[in-house]
Amino acid sequence: MRYAISGASRGIGLEFVRQLLERGDTVEAGVRVPTEARLLSPLMNSVGPRLRIHELDITNQASVRAFASAVSDGPLDVLINNAGVSGKWCSFMEMDYEDMTKVMETNSVGPMRLSAALMPAVLKGPTRKIIHLTTRMASLTENTRGGVYGFEGGAYAYRMSKAALNVCMRTMAVDFRDQGLITAAINPGWVRTEMGGKLAPMRPEDAVRGMLRVIDDITKEQSGMFLDFQGREVPW
């Protein structure tokens, strides 16, 4: 199978690439600065043409178009919208609105932009799947701690951006249902990456292994759902 992955140079994105290559899949890896993808580049030595590395900045329309042109030389089975940022976490009254705009552009608009650019290639594939990595912190139902107090204090921009991403995914599921698209938002859990921090309880290997099972098994009936890495539905 052939996958396209954004934010593939480190963390969860890099682990997706590793596990997909190990099982024999082909990966089109999008990274902001290919020359700095020091952990990704060595993988090409053992897998050859099954891994291609491309420059991709999902906040830049020209970059997205160039990536889409490079990888749309054949059908895509799965697009994984992994790239994202956490932004600054601060109280409501101390909000950095310039930073919030950047977070929304990266976490919400960026995946939508990339999905639109690659939609023709995805719809030519046999599986027709677009997966968006989200967070349980985007759940309105489970937001009982607010944005100021507790460990999750101040995550206004991050929560809002991922909630917006979930809405985009849900709307895509409705609009492209008749064309056979399967799309979902998946929460990987709290993962021990540069973004998640050293205190996170889950290894990237375990999170990605679980998500790949979900991606492999997801059905048309589940399109438009908000799931966790074990395939359980998360309340909106």
Protein backbone atom coordinates (compact mmCIF):
# COMPACT_ATOMS: atom_id res chain seq x y z
CA MET A 1 0.00 0.00 0.00
CA ARG A 2 1.05 3.59 -0.59
CA TYR A 3 0.88 6.21 2.17
CA ALA A 4 1.47 9.97 2.33
CA ILE A 5 2.41 11.34 5.76
CA SER A 6 2.94 14.94 6.87
CA GLY A 7 5.32 15.83 9.69
CA ALA A 8 7.31 12.66 9.06
CA SER A 9 10.75 13.70 10.31
CA ARG A 10 10.26 12.98 14.01
CA GLY A 11 7.97 11.71 16.74
CA ILE A 12 4.77 9.95 15.74
CA GLY A 13 5.24 10.75 12.04
CA LEU A 14 8.69 9.15 11.98
CA GLU A 15 7.38 6.08 13.78
CA PHE A 16 4.58 5.75 11.23
CA VAL A 17 7.22 5.71 8.49
CA ARG A 18 9.32 3.10 10.29
CA GLN A 19 6.46 0.70 10.92
CA LEU A 20 4.95 1.07 7.46
CA LEU A 21 8.30 0.38 5.80
CA GLU A 22 8.88 -2.63 8.06
CA ARG A 23 5.69 -4.23 6.85
CA GLY A 24 6.46 -3.56 3.20
CA ASP A 25 4.43 -0.45 2.42
CA THR A 26 5.54 2.56 0.37
CA VAL A 27 5.73 5.99 2.00
CA GLU A 28 5.72 9.52 0.62
CA ALA A 29 7.14 11.45 3.59
CA GLY A 30 6.50 15.17 3.90
CA VAL A 31 8.91 17.21 6.06
CA ARG A 32 9.48 20.93 6.46
CA VAL A 33 13.26 20.76 5.84
CA PRO A 34 14.45 17.56 4.12
CA THR A 35 18.13 18.30 4.81
CA GLU A 36 17.38 18.25 8.54
CA ALA A 37 15.48 14.94 8.50
CA ARG A 38 18.48 13.16 10.01
CA LEU A 39 16.49 10.27 11.49
CA LEU A 40 14.39 9.75 8.38
CA SER A 41 17.02 9.86 5.63
CA PRO A 42 18.98 6.74 6.75
CA LEU A 43 15.88 4.60 6.25
CA MET A 44 16.22 5.10 2.50
CA ASN A 45 19.43 3.03 2.53
CA SER A 46 17.54 -0.17 3.30
CA VAL A 47 14.22 0.35 1.51
CA GLY A 48 15.23 2.20 -1.64
CA PRO A 49 12.35 3.65 -3.67
CA ARG A 50 9.73 2.58 -1.12
CA LEU A 51 10.54 5.80 0.75
CA ARG A 52 10.61 9.22 -0.85
CA ILE A 53 11.22 12.37 1.18
CA HIS A 54 9.65 15.65 0.06
CA GLU A 55 9.64 19.21 1.34
CA LEU A 56 6.23 20.04 2.79
CA ASP A 57 5.02 23.03 4.76
CA ILE A 58 1.27 22.56 5.23
CA THR A 59 0.85 26.26 6.05
CA ASN A 60 2.13 27.23 2.59
CA GLN A 61 -0.13 26.70 -0.42
CA ALA A 62 2.74 26.58 -2.92
CA SER A 63 4.54 23.95 -0.84
CA VAL A 64 1.39 21.83 -0.60
CA ARG A 65 0.84 22.06 -4.36
CA ALA A 66 4.44 21.01 -5.03
CA PHE A 67 4.09 18.04 -2.67
CA ALA A 68 0.81 17.01 -4.26
CA SER A 69 2.37 17.22 -7.73
CA ALA A 70 5.29 15.04 -6.63
CA VAL A 71 3.23 12.29 -4.99
CA SER A 72 0.20 12.24 -7.28
CA ASP A 73 2.05 10.25 -9.93
CA GLY A 74 -0.09 7.31 -8.82
CA PRO A 75 -3.02 6.46 -6.54
CA LEU A 76 -2.64 6.97 -2.78
CA ASP A 77 -4.16 4.43 -0.43
CA VAL A 78 -3.94 6.50 2.76
CA LEU A 79 -3.14 10.11 3.68
CA ILE A 80 -2.16 10.61 7.32
CA ASN A 81 -2.41 14.24 8.43
CA ASN A 82 0.11 14.06 11.26
CA ALA A 83 1.88 17.44 11.23
CA GLY A 84 0.86 19.73 14.07
CA VAL A 85 2.04 22.12 16.77
CA SER A 86 1.05 22.65 20.40
CA GLY A 87 1.59 26.42 20.49
CA LYS A 88 1.87 28.48 23.66
CA TRP A 89 -0.20 27.43 26.64
CA CYS A 90 -1.28 30.46 28.63
CA SER A 91 -4.30 31.77 30.50
CA PHE A 92 -7.28 33.32 28.73
CA MET A 93 -6.30 36.85 29.70
CA GLU A 94 -2.69 36.34 28.60
CA MET A 95 -3.50 34.81 25.22
CA ASP A 96 -0.96 35.35 22.45
CA TYR A 97 -3.29 35.79 19.47
CA GLU A 98 -0.52 35.81 16.90
CA ASP A 99 0.57 32.41 18.18
CA MET A 100 -3.05 31.22 18.19
CA THR A 101 -3.37 32.15 14.53
CA LYS A 102 -0.27 30.09 13.71
CA VAL A 103 -1.62 27.10 15.64
CA MET A 104 -4.96 27.27 13.83
CA GLU A 105 -3.21 27.60 10.47
CA THR A 106 -1.07 24.53 11.16
CA ASN A 107 -3.50 22.24 12.98
CA SER A 108 -6.78 23.10 11.27
CA VAL A 109 -6.27 24.81 7.91
CA GLY A 110 -3.11 22.89 7.02
CA PRO A 111 -4.64 19.39 7.08
CA MET A 112 -7.64 20.67 5.14
CA ARG A 113 -5.36 22.23 2.53
CA LEU A 114 -3.33 19.02 2.18
CA SER A 115 -6.43 16.82 2.05
CA ALA A 116 -7.88 18.91 -0.77
CA ALA A 117 -4.64 18.80 -2.74
CA LEU A 118 -4.33 15.01 -2.44
CA MET A 119 -8.02 14.14 -2.68
CA PRO A 120 -7.86 13.24 -6.40
CA ALA A 121 -4.99 10.78 -5.78
CA VAL A 122 -6.72 9.30 -2.71
CA LEU A 123 -9.98 8.77 -4.59
CA LYS A 124 -8.07 6.88 -7.28
CA GLY A 125 -6.82 4.40 -4.69
CA PRO A 126 -8.61 1.20 -3.64
CA THR A 127 -8.91 2.08 0.09
CA ARG A 128 -9.61 5.85 -0.11
CA LYS A 129 -8.65 6.78 3.46
CA ILE A 130 -7.70 10.14 5.00
CA ILE A 131 -6.74 10.05 8.68
CA HIS A 132 -6.33 13.14 10.86
CA LEU A 133 -4.38 12.97 14.13
CA THR A 134 -6.27 14.85 16.81
CA THR A 135 -6.41 14.90 20.62
CA ARG A 136 -8.85 13.92 23.32
CA MET A 137 -8.44 17.49 24.56
CA ALA A 138 -10.63 18.54 21.60
CA SER A 139 -13.61 16.73 23.11
CA LEU A 140 -16.25 19.22 24.24
CA THR A 141 -17.92 16.57 26.38
CA GLU A 142 -14.76 15.77 28.33
CA ASN A 143 -13.62 19.37 28.80
CA THR A 144 -14.49 19.68 32.47
CA ARG A 145 -11.19 21.24 33.58
CA GLY A 146 -11.33 24.39 31.50
CA GLY A 147 -8.36 26.14 30.01
CA VAL A 148 -6.72 27.64 33.07
CA TYR A 149 -6.39 25.13 35.89
CA GLY A 150 -4.90 21.67 36.09
CA PHE A 151 -2.28 20.02 33.91
CA GLU A 152 -4.08 21.03 30.72
CA GLY A 153 -4.24 24.67 31.76
CA GLY A 154 -4.10 27.27 29.06
CA ALA A 155 -4.36 25.02 26.02
CA TYR A 156 -6.91 27.27 24.32
CA ALA A 157 -5.28 27.43 20.89
CA TYR A 158 -4.44 23.72 20.84
CA ARG A 159 -7.90 22.61 21.95
CA MET A 160 -9.63 24.96 19.51
CA SER A 161 -7.46 24.00 16.56
CA LYS A 162 -8.03 20.28 17.01
CA ALA A 163 -11.77 20.74 17.59
CA ALA A 164 -11.87 22.65 14.30
CA LEU A 165 -9.94 19.82 12.64
CA ASN A 166 -12.53 17.35 13.94
CA VAL A 167 -15.34 19.41 12.42
CA CYS A 168 -13.50 19.53 9.10
CA MET A 169 -13.09 15.75 9.15
CA ARG A 170 -16.74 15.17 9.98
CA THR A 171 -17.86 17.45 7.15
CA MET A 172 -15.49 15.77 4.69
CA ALA A 173 -16.98 12.40 5.64
CA VAL A 174 -20.44 13.63 4.66
CA ASP A 175 -19.39 15.45 1.49
CA PHE A 176 -17.32 12.58 0.06
CA ARG A 177 -19.30 9.59 1.34
CA ASP A 178 -20.78 8.85 -2.08
CA GLN A 179 -17.26 8.76 -3.55
CA GLY A 180 -16.20 6.08 -1.11
CA LEU A 181 -13.93 8.20 1.10
CA ILE A 182 -13.26 6.91 4.60
CA THR A 183 -11.99 9.59 6.96
CA ALA A 184 -11.60 9.72 10.73
CA ALA A 185 -9.92 11.68 13.51
CA ILE A 186 -7.71 9.55 15.77
CA ASN A 187 -6.35 10.47 19.18
CA PRO A 188 -2.93 8.80 19.59
CA GLY A 189 -2.95 9.26 23.36
CA TRP A 190 -0.32 11.02 25.44
CA VAL A 191 2.86 9.95 23.64
CA ARG A 192 6.49 10.36 24.68
CA THR A 193 7.71 12.64 21.89
CA GLU A 194 9.25 16.10 21.71
CA MET A 195 5.74 17.53 21.80
CA GLY A 196 4.34 15.12 24.39
CA GLY A 197 7.30 15.40 26.74
CA LYS A 198 9.27 12.90 28.80
CA LEU A 199 6.46 12.34 31.32
CA ALA A 200 4.10 10.91 28.70
CA PRO A 201 3.28 7.27 29.54
CA MET A 202 3.09 5.87 26.01
CA ARG A 203 5.89 5.02 23.62
CA PRO A 204 5.52 6.15 19.99
CA GLU A 205 5.92 2.51 18.91
CA ASP A 206 2.84 1.45 20.88
CA ALA A 207 0.70 4.41 19.83
CA VAL A 208 1.48 3.95 16.14
CA ARG A 209 1.02 0.18 16.30
CA GLY A 210 -2.45 0.74 17.71
CA MET A 211 -3.35 3.46 15.21
CA LEU A 212 -2.26 1.35 12.26
CA ARG A 213 -4.60 -1.41 13.41
CA VAL A 214 -7.41 1.13 13.53
CA ILE A 215 -6.52 2.56 10.11
CA ASP A 216 -6.27 -0.90 8.55
CA ASP A 217 -9.61 -2.04 9.93
CA ILE A 218 -11.71 1.12 9.71
CA THR A 219 -14.86 0.71 7.64
CA LYS A 220 -17.14 3.00 5.65
CA GLU A 221 -19.62 2.82 8.52
CA GLN A 222 -16.99 4.39 10.82
CA SER A 223 -16.19 7.27 8.47
CA GLY A 224 -16.63 10.58 10.25
CA MET A 225 -15.90 9.18 13.71
CA PHE A 226 -13.63 10.49 16.50
CA LEU A 227 -11.62 7.47 17.71
CA ASP A 228 -8.72 6.67 20.02
CA PHE A 229 -5.68 4.57 19.15
CA GLN A 230 -7.52 1.41 20.21
CA GLY A 231 -10.49 2.10 17.96
CA ARG A 232 -12.82 3.22 20.73
CA GLU A 233 -15.13 6.13 19.99
CA VAL A 234 -14.33 9.41 21.76
CA PRO A 235 -17.28 11.64 22.73
CA TRP A 236 -17.48 14.89 20.80
